[in-house]
Amino acid sequence: MSARPRADLTPEARDLACTVAELAALARGTRLSQRAVAEAVFVAPSTLTEYTTGRRSPSRDLLRKLWSLAAESQEVTGQPPPPLEQVLETYRKAVLARQSLLAPEDTAAVPPSSQARIPETRTAREATPTPPPIADDEALGHLRAGRDADAATFLWHAGRTHAPVEIRDAVTAYRTAGRTDAAEAMLNSAAARDLRAVLSIVGTLLEAQQVEDAATLVNAALSHHPA
């Protein structure tokens, strides 16, 4: 893949873009075309290129898929991918670096009276804002760019493969972004999984007090699993 990271990237973003490029190149070692690699991870070829240049940031789920493709190619190329833990750590550092760049504006937007309401007895860890769930989620990126078909493909796949906590966080992110359609599409996809998985997701949603989401999932599951 010839695309190179942009010159204006932070070191963390550059490392992430280079990691995507490395994994994609290893995946192509199985004689897959760039288009085939992109389709295997449910994105457009142009989107994959944007990840390698740093113009856009991939999701954690996409990195896992790329890593799996690269690992499968080892039998053909003899070249192992970097450890998955290292790949995910690179992603984590890029997300944290991006959030730190936004922090001054976020802090300025909070009224002083709101900041004063934080109890002094809270620990530093408790007082730290929770990072937004699933930064740069694929579905939201596709929807914002008008690529509804790509978003639908991602939501269909993610609903059937994501862990319960990831589904909960994704649904939260979609609703926060005002994309109720994406939230319900993921829940409907998850509802088609086996009943044990569905119940696990329902339990995770209820623990987070997302009662309406749990009800939506249950109702969709009843249609997928008629008695």
C-alpha atoms as a PDB file:
ATOM      1  CA  MET A   1       0.000   0.000   0.000  1.00  0.00           C
ATOM      2  CA  SER A   2       1.718   3.183  -1.210  1.00  0.00           C
ATOM      3  CA  ALA A   3      -0.155   5.798   0.854  1.00  0.00           C
ATOM      4  CA  ARG A   4       1.976   7.379   3.569  1.00  0.00           C
ATOM      5  CA  PRO A   5       0.958   9.048   6.841  1.00  0.00           C
ATOM      6  CA  ARG A   6       0.322  12.776   6.682  1.00  0.00           C
ATOM      7  CA  ALA A   7       3.124  15.050   7.829  1.00  0.00           C
ATOM      8  CA  ASP A   8       0.959  16.926  10.348  1.00  0.00           C
ATOM      9  CA  LEU A   9       0.048  13.913  12.487  1.00  0.00           C
ATOM     10  CA  THR A  10       0.936  13.578  16.143  1.00  0.00           C
ATOM     11  CA  PRO A  11       3.489  10.822  16.880  1.00  0.00           C
ATOM     12  CA  GLU A  12       0.722   8.638  18.313  1.00  0.00           C
ATOM     13  CA  ALA A  13      -1.535   9.116  15.275  1.00  0.00           C
ATOM     14  CA  ARG A  14       1.401   8.412  12.965  1.00  0.00           C
ATOM     15  CA  ASP A  15       2.173   5.174  14.806  1.00  0.00           C
ATOM     16  CA  LEU A  16      -1.463   4.116  14.450  1.00  0.00           C
ATOM     17  CA  ALA A  17      -1.544   4.907  10.723  1.00  0.00           C
ATOM     18  CA  CYS A  18       1.689   2.975  10.202  1.00  0.00           C
ATOM     19  CA  THR A  19       0.278   0.029  12.157  1.00  0.00           C
ATOM     20  CA  VAL A  20      -2.800  -0.071   9.927  1.00  0.00           C
ATOM     21  CA  ALA A  21      -0.595   0.072   6.834  1.00  0.00           C
ATOM     22  CA  GLU A  22       1.609  -2.732   8.159  1.00  0.00           C
ATOM     23  CA  LEU A  23      -1.328  -4.999   8.986  1.00  0.00           C
ATOM     24  CA  ALA A  24      -2.978  -4.322   5.615  1.00  0.00           C
ATOM     25  CA  ALA A  25       0.274  -5.087   3.797  1.00  0.00           C
ATOM     26  CA  LEU A  26       0.675  -8.354   5.701  1.00  0.00           C
ATOM     27  CA  ALA A  27      -2.939  -9.279   4.930  1.00  0.00           C
ATOM     28  CA  ARG A  28      -2.246  -8.705   1.235  1.00  0.00           C
ATOM     29  CA  GLY A  29       0.515 -11.290   1.536  1.00  0.00           C
ATOM     30  CA  THR A  30      -2.192 -13.886   1.017  1.00  0.00           C
ATOM     31  CA  ARG A  31      -2.509 -12.506  -2.536  1.00  0.00           C
ATOM     32  CA  LEU A  32      -5.564 -10.461  -1.610  1.00  0.00           C
ATOM     33  CA  SER A  33      -6.070  -7.159  -3.391  1.00  0.00           C
ATOM     34  CA  GLN A  34      -6.444  -3.947  -1.424  1.00  0.00           C
ATOM     35  CA  ARG A  35     -10.161  -4.025  -2.243  1.00  0.00           C
ATOM     36  CA  ALA A  36     -10.452  -7.587  -0.948  1.00  0.00           C
ATOM     37  CA  VAL A  37      -8.696  -6.656   2.301  1.00  0.00           C
ATOM     38  CA  ALA A  38     -10.996  -3.647   2.743  1.00  0.00           C
ATOM     39  CA  GLU A  39     -14.105  -5.710   2.078  1.00  0.00           C
ATOM     40  CA  ALA A  40     -12.919  -8.356   4.539  1.00  0.00           C
ATOM     41  CA  VAL A  41     -12.945  -5.757   7.310  1.00  0.00           C
ATOM     42  CA  PHE A  42     -16.209  -4.174   6.089  1.00  0.00           C
ATOM     43  CA  VAL A  43     -14.899  -0.807   4.842  1.00  0.00           C
ATOM     44  CA  ALA A  44     -14.471   0.795   1.445  1.00  0.00           C
ATOM     45  CA  PRO A  45     -10.961   0.662  -0.109  1.00  0.00           C
ATOM     46  CA  SER A  46     -10.771   4.457   0.068  1.00  0.00           C
ATOM     47  CA  THR A  47     -11.583   4.318   3.778  1.00  0.00           C
ATOM     48  CA  LEU A  48      -8.788   1.837   4.397  1.00  0.00           C
ATOM     49  CA  THR A  49      -6.394   4.159   2.570  1.00  0.00           C
ATOM     50  CA  GLU A  50      -7.515   7.063   4.774  1.00  0.00           C
ATOM     51  CA  TYR A  51      -6.624   4.970   7.831  1.00  0.00           C
ATOM     52  CA  THR A  52      -3.088   4.428   6.496  1.00  0.00           C
ATOM     53  CA  THR A  53      -2.608   8.159   5.919  1.00  0.00           C
ATOM     54  CA  GLY A  54      -4.063   9.180   9.277  1.00  0.00           C
ATOM     55  CA  ARG A  55      -6.828  11.218   7.655  1.00  0.00           C
ATOM     56  CA  ARG A  56      -9.253   9.061   9.620  1.00  0.00           C
ATOM     57  CA  SER A  57      -8.788   6.844  12.666  1.00  0.00           C
ATOM     58  CA  PRO A  58      -9.867   3.187  12.703  1.00  0.00           C
ATOM     59  CA  SER A  59     -11.914   1.538  15.402  1.00  0.00           C
ATOM     60  CA  ARG A  60     -10.560  -1.024  17.815  1.00  0.00           C
ATOM     61  CA  ASP A  61     -12.764  -3.632  16.158  1.00  0.00           C
ATOM     62  CA  LEU A  62     -11.326  -2.934  12.719  1.00  0.00           C
ATOM     63  CA  LEU A  63      -7.783  -3.280  14.048  1.00  0.00           C
ATOM     64  CA  ARG A  64      -8.661  -6.690  15.462  1.00  0.00           C
ATOM     65  CA  LYS A  65     -10.051  -7.784  12.094  1.00  0.00           C
ATOM     66  CA  LEU A  66      -6.966  -6.558  10.233  1.00  0.00           C
ATOM     67  CA  TRP A  67      -4.715  -8.284  12.742  1.00  0.00           C
ATOM     68  CA  SER A  68      -6.585 -11.566  12.252  1.00  0.00           C
ATOM     69  CA  LEU A  69      -6.147 -11.317   8.479  1.00  0.00           C
ATOM     70  CA  ALA A  70      -2.447 -10.571   8.919  1.00  0.00           C
ATOM     71  CA  ALA A  71      -2.076 -13.531  11.295  1.00  0.00           C
ATOM     72  CA  GLU A  72      -3.747 -15.846   8.783  1.00  0.00           C
ATOM     73  CA  SER A  73      -1.314 -14.699   6.100  1.00  0.00           C
ATOM     74  CA  GLN A  74       1.673 -15.836   8.167  1.00  0.00           C
ATOM     75  CA  GLU A  75       1.335 -19.368   6.800  1.00  0.00           C
ATOM     76  CA  VAL A  76       1.921 -17.979   3.299  1.00  0.00           C
ATOM     77  CA  THR A  77       4.378 -15.147   3.941  1.00  0.00           C
ATOM     78  CA  GLY A  78       6.199 -16.437   7.015  1.00  0.00           C
ATOM     79  CA  GLN A  79       5.888 -12.929   8.479  1.00  0.00           C
ATOM     80  CA  PRO A  80       4.011 -12.682  11.794  1.00  0.00           C
ATOM     81  CA  PRO A  81       2.063  -9.519  12.608  1.00  0.00           C
ATOM     82  CA  PRO A  82       3.029  -7.466  15.662  1.00  0.00           C
ATOM     83  CA  PRO A  83       1.447  -8.788  18.883  1.00  0.00           C
ATOM     84  CA  LEU A  84      -2.239  -7.903  19.193  1.00  0.00           C
ATOM     85  CA  GLU A  85      -1.569  -6.355  22.600  1.00  0.00           C
ATOM     86  CA  GLN A  86       0.940  -3.999  20.979  1.00  0.00           C
ATOM     87  CA  VAL A  87      -1.536  -3.061  18.235  1.00  0.00           C
ATOM     88  CA  LEU A  88      -4.285  -2.265  20.745  1.00  0.00           C
ATOM     89  CA  GLU A  89      -1.860  -0.275  22.902  1.00  0.00           C
ATOM     90  CA  THR A  90      -0.952   1.818  19.858  1.00  0.00           C
ATOM     91  CA  TYR A  91      -4.665   2.471  19.340  1.00  0.00           C
ATOM     92  CA  ARG A  92      -5.135   3.389  23.006  1.00  0.00           C
ATOM     93  CA  LYS A  93      -2.280   5.907  22.927  1.00  0.00           C
ATOM     94  CA  ALA A  94      -3.640   7.523  19.761  1.00  0.00           C
ATOM     95  CA  VAL A  95      -7.097   7.891  21.305  1.00  0.00           C
ATOM     96  CA  LEU A  96      -5.689   9.384  24.511  1.00  0.00           C
ATOM     97  CA  ALA A  97      -3.496  11.799  22.552  1.00  0.00           C
ATOM     98  CA  ARG A  98      -6.474  12.951  20.497  1.00  0.00           C
ATOM     99  CA  GLN A  99      -8.570  13.443  23.618  1.00  0.00           C
ATOM    100  CA  SER A 100      -5.815  15.474  25.274  1.00  0.00           C
ATOM    101  CA  LEU A 101      -5.780  17.815  22.283  1.00  0.00           C
ATOM    102  CA  LEU A 102      -9.501  18.413  22.770  1.00  0.00           C
ATOM    103  CA  ALA A 103      -9.308  18.716  26.555  1.00  0.00           C
ATOM    104  CA  PRO A 104      -8.638  22.492  26.813  1.00  0.00           C
ATOM    105  CA  GLU A 105     -11.724  23.326  24.717  1.00  0.00           C
ATOM    106  CA  ASP A 106     -13.836  20.808  26.616  1.00  0.00           C
ATOM    107  CA  THR A 107     -12.727  22.259  29.948  1.00  0.00           C
ATOM    108  CA  ALA A 108     -13.431  25.821  28.841  1.00  0.00           C
ATOM    109  CA  ALA A 109     -16.932  24.830  27.784  1.00  0.00           C
ATOM    110  CA  VAL A 110     -17.812  23.655  31.301  1.00  0.00           C
ATOM    111  CA  PRO A 111     -19.243  26.468  33.465  1.00  0.00           C
ATOM    112  CA  PRO A 112     -17.204  27.135  36.628  1.00  0.00           C
ATOM    113  CA  SER A 113     -20.290  26.450  38.734  1.00  0.00           C
ATOM    114  CA  SER A 114     -20.503  22.960  37.245  1.00  0.00           C
ATOM    115  CA  GLN A 115     -16.875  22.266  38.065  1.00  0.00           C
ATOM    116  CA  ALA A 116     -17.396  23.415  41.654  1.00  0.00           C
ATOM    117  CA  ARG A 117     -20.083  20.803  42.217  1.00  0.00           C
ATOM    118  CA  ILE A 118     -17.521  17.970  42.200  1.00  0.00           C
ATOM    119  CA  PRO A 119     -17.272  16.772  45.828  1.00  0.00           C
ATOM    120  CA  GLU A 120     -13.844  17.202  47.397  1.00  0.00           C
ATOM    121  CA  THR A 121     -13.995  13.678  48.803  1.00  0.00           C
ATOM    122  CA  ARG A 122     -13.888  12.063  45.366  1.00  0.00           C
ATOM    123  CA  THR A 123     -10.637  10.432  44.331  1.00  0.00           C
ATOM    124  CA  ALA A 124      -8.667  11.702  41.352  1.00  0.00           C
ATOM    125  CA  ARG A 125      -9.697   8.644  39.356  1.00  0.00           C
ATOM    126  CA  GLU A 126     -13.373   9.218  40.101  1.00  0.00           C
ATOM    127  CA  ALA A 127     -13.136  12.886  39.147  1.00  0.00           C
ATOM    128  CA  THR A 128     -11.610  12.108  35.741  1.00  0.00           C
ATOM    129  CA  PRO A 129     -14.267  12.211  32.983  1.00  0.00           C
ATOM    130  CA  THR A 130     -14.934   8.865  31.339  1.00  0.00           C
ATOM    131  CA  PRO A 131     -13.656   8.818  27.732  1.00  0.00           C
ATOM    132  CA  PRO A 132     -16.403   8.732  25.099  1.00  0.00           C
ATOM    133  CA  PRO A 133     -17.275   5.144  24.150  1.00  0.00           C
ATOM    134  CA  ILE A 134     -15.811   3.636  20.998  1.00  0.00           C
ATOM    135  CA  ALA A 135     -14.039   6.658  19.578  1.00  0.00           C
ATOM    136  CA  ASP A 136     -14.176   6.973  15.783  1.00  0.00           C
ATOM    137  CA  ASP A 137     -16.750   4.215  15.483  1.00  0.00           C
ATOM    138  CA  GLU A 138     -17.000   2.886  11.925  1.00  0.00           C
ATOM    139  CA  ALA A 139     -20.767   3.169  11.687  1.00  0.00           C
ATOM    140  CA  LEU A 140     -20.821   6.823  12.777  1.00  0.00           C
ATOM    141  CA  GLY A 141     -18.042   7.650  10.325  1.00  0.00           C
ATOM    142  CA  HIS A 142     -19.941   6.058   7.452  1.00  0.00           C
ATOM    143  CA  LEU A 143     -23.215   7.740   8.430  1.00  0.00           C
ATOM    144  CA  ARG A 144     -21.630  11.181   8.663  1.00  0.00           C
ATOM    145  CA  ALA A 145     -20.146  10.697   5.198  1.00  0.00           C
ATOM    146  CA  GLY A 146     -23.471   9.534   3.778  1.00  0.00           C
ATOM    147  CA  ARG A 147     -22.301   5.951   3.276  1.00  0.00           C
ATOM    148  CA  ASP A 148     -25.441   4.323   4.638  1.00  0.00           C
ATOM    149  CA  ALA A 149     -24.777   0.974   2.955  1.00  0.00           C
ATOM    150  CA  ASP A 150     -21.314   0.721   4.554  1.00  0.00           C
ATOM    151  CA  ALA A 151     -22.812   1.681   7.925  1.00  0.00           C
ATOM    152  CA  ALA A 152     -25.486  -0.995   7.600  1.00  0.00           C
ATOM    153  CA  THR A 153     -22.867  -3.629   6.776  1.00  0.00           C
ATOM    154  CA  PHE A 154     -20.773  -2.652   9.769  1.00  0.00           C
ATOM    155  CA  LEU A 155     -23.759  -2.629  12.136  1.00  0.00           C
ATOM    156  CA  TRP A 156     -24.924  -6.017  10.886  1.00  0.00           C
ATOM    157  CA  HIS A 157     -21.501  -7.553  11.490  1.00  0.00           C
ATOM    158  CA  ALA A 158     -20.806  -5.755  14.775  1.00  0.00           C
ATOM    159  CA  GLY A 159     -24.148  -6.741  16.271  1.00  0.00           C
ATOM    160  CA  ARG A 160     -23.325 -10.392  15.682  1.00  0.00           C
ATOM    161  CA  THR A 161     -19.712 -10.329  16.842  1.00  0.00           C
ATOM    162  CA  HIS A 162     -19.175  -7.579  19.440  1.00  0.00           C
ATOM    163  CA  ALA A 163     -18.912  -8.440  23.115  1.00  0.00           C
ATOM    164  CA  PRO A 164     -21.901  -7.370  25.265  1.00  0.00           C
ATOM    165  CA  VAL A 165     -19.985  -4.436  26.778  1.00  0.00           C
ATOM    166  CA  GLU A 166     -18.928  -3.224  23.319  1.00  0.00           C
ATOM    167  CA  ILE A 167     -22.530  -3.375  22.096  1.00  0.00           C
ATOM    168  CA  ARG A 168     -23.690  -1.440  25.152  1.00  0.00           C
ATOM    169  CA  ASP A 169     -21.045   1.257  24.609  1.00  0.00           C
ATOM    170  CA  ALA A 170     -21.724   1.446  20.875  1.00  0.00           C
ATOM    171  CA  VAL A 171     -25.468   1.874  21.406  1.00  0.00           C
ATOM    172  CA  THR A 172     -24.718   4.606  23.953  1.00  0.00           C
ATOM    173  CA  ALA A 173     -22.427   6.357  21.479  1.00  0.00           C
ATOM    174  CA  TYR A 174     -25.025   6.207  18.714  1.00  0.00           C
ATOM    175  CA  ARG A 175     -27.786   7.614  20.888  1.00  0.00           C
ATOM    176  CA  THR A 176     -25.467  10.344  22.176  1.00  0.00           C
ATOM    177  CA  ALA A 177     -24.716  11.259  18.562  1.00  0.00           C
ATOM    178  CA  GLY A 178     -28.437  11.373  17.808  1.00  0.00           C
ATOM    179  CA  ARG A 179     -28.288   8.264  15.609  1.00  0.00           C
ATOM    180  CA  THR A 180     -31.172   6.248  17.010  1.00  0.00           C
ATOM    181  CA  ASP A 181     -31.352   4.389  13.697  1.00  0.00           C
ATOM    182  CA  ALA A 182     -27.819   3.056  14.192  1.00  0.00           C
ATOM    183  CA  ALA A 183     -28.518   2.048  17.803  1.00  0.00           C
ATOM    184  CA  GLU A 184     -31.624   0.116  16.842  1.00  0.00           C
ATOM    185  CA  ALA A 185     -29.928  -1.469  13.817  1.00  0.00           C
ATOM    186  CA  MET A 186     -27.157  -2.844  16.037  1.00  0.00           C
ATOM    187  CA  LEU A 187     -29.658  -4.111  18.615  1.00  0.00           C
ATOM    188  CA  ASN A 188     -31.709  -5.780  15.891  1.00  0.00           C
ATOM    189  CA  SER A 189     -28.603  -7.501  14.547  1.00  0.00           C
ATOM    190  CA  ALA A 190     -27.576  -8.620  18.046  1.00  0.00           C
ATOM    191  CA  ALA A 191     -31.080 -10.025  18.560  1.00  0.00           C
ATOM    192  CA  ALA A 192     -30.392 -12.652  15.882  1.00  0.00           C
ATOM    193  CA  ARG A 193     -27.613 -14.231  17.953  1.00  0.00           C
ATOM    194  CA  ASP A 194     -28.189 -17.334  20.039  1.00  0.00           C
ATOM    195  CA  LEU A 195     -30.374 -16.792  23.074  1.00  0.00           C
ATOM    196  CA  ARG A 196     -27.527 -17.136  25.560  1.00  0.00           C
ATOM    197  CA  ALA A 197     -25.669 -14.272  23.887  1.00  0.00           C
ATOM    198  CA  VAL A 198     -28.837 -12.188  23.718  1.00  0.00           C
ATOM    199  CA  LEU A 199     -29.483 -12.673  27.431  1.00  0.00           C
ATOM    200  CA  SER A 200     -25.903 -11.681  28.218  1.00  0.00           C
ATOM    201  CA  ILE A 201     -26.301  -8.457  26.241  1.00  0.00           C
ATOM    202  CA  VAL A 202     -29.655  -7.760  27.910  1.00  0.00           C
ATOM    203  CA  GLY A 203     -28.031  -8.211  31.321  1.00  0.00           C
ATOM    204  CA  THR A 204     -25.222  -5.817  30.426  1.00  0.00           C
ATOM    205  CA  LEU A 205     -27.722  -3.188  29.263  1.00  0.00           C
ATOM    206  CA  LEU A 206     -29.796  -3.541  32.419  1.00  0.00           C
ATOM    207  CA  GLU A 207     -26.691  -3.189  34.604  1.00  0.00           C
ATOM    208  CA  ALA A 208     -26.090   0.159  32.883  1.00  0.00           C
ATOM    209  CA  GLN A 209     -29.765   1.080  33.448  1.00  0.00           C
ATOM    210  CA  GLN A 210     -30.397   1.142  29.696  1.00  0.00           C
ATOM    211  CA  VAL A 211     -33.845  -0.323  30.186  1.00  0.00           C
ATOM    212  CA  GLU A 212     -35.315   0.897  26.895  1.00  0.00           C
ATOM    213  CA  ASP A 213     -32.403  -0.571  24.942  1.00  0.00           C
ATOM    214  CA  ALA A 214     -32.815  -3.872  26.761  1.00  0.00           C
ATOM    215  CA  ALA A 215     -36.526  -3.870  25.916  1.00  0.00           C
ATOM    216  CA  THR A 216     -35.779  -3.116  22.258  1.00  0.00           C
ATOM    217  CA  LEU A 217     -33.341  -6.021  22.154  1.00  0.00           C
ATOM    218  CA  VAL A 218     -35.809  -8.407  23.792  1.00  0.00           C
ATOM    219  CA  ASN A 219     -38.615  -7.454  21.415  1.00  0.00           C
ATOM    220  CA  ALA A 220     -36.341  -7.905  18.405  1.00  0.00           C
ATOM    221  CA  ALA A 221     -35.145 -11.260  19.751  1.00  0.00           C
ATOM    222  CA  LEU A 222     -38.757 -12.471  19.999  1.00  0.00           C
ATOM    223  CA  SER A 223     -39.148 -11.910  16.265  1.00  0.00           C
ATOM    224  CA  HIS A 224     -35.843 -13.640  15.476  1.00  0.00           C
ATOM    225  CA  HIS A 225     -36.554 -16.553  17.835  1.00  0.00           C
ATOM    226  CA  PRO A 226     -40.285 -17.296  17.635  1.00  0.00           C
ATOM    227  CA  ALA A 227     -41.542 -19.765  20.235  1.00  0.00           C
END
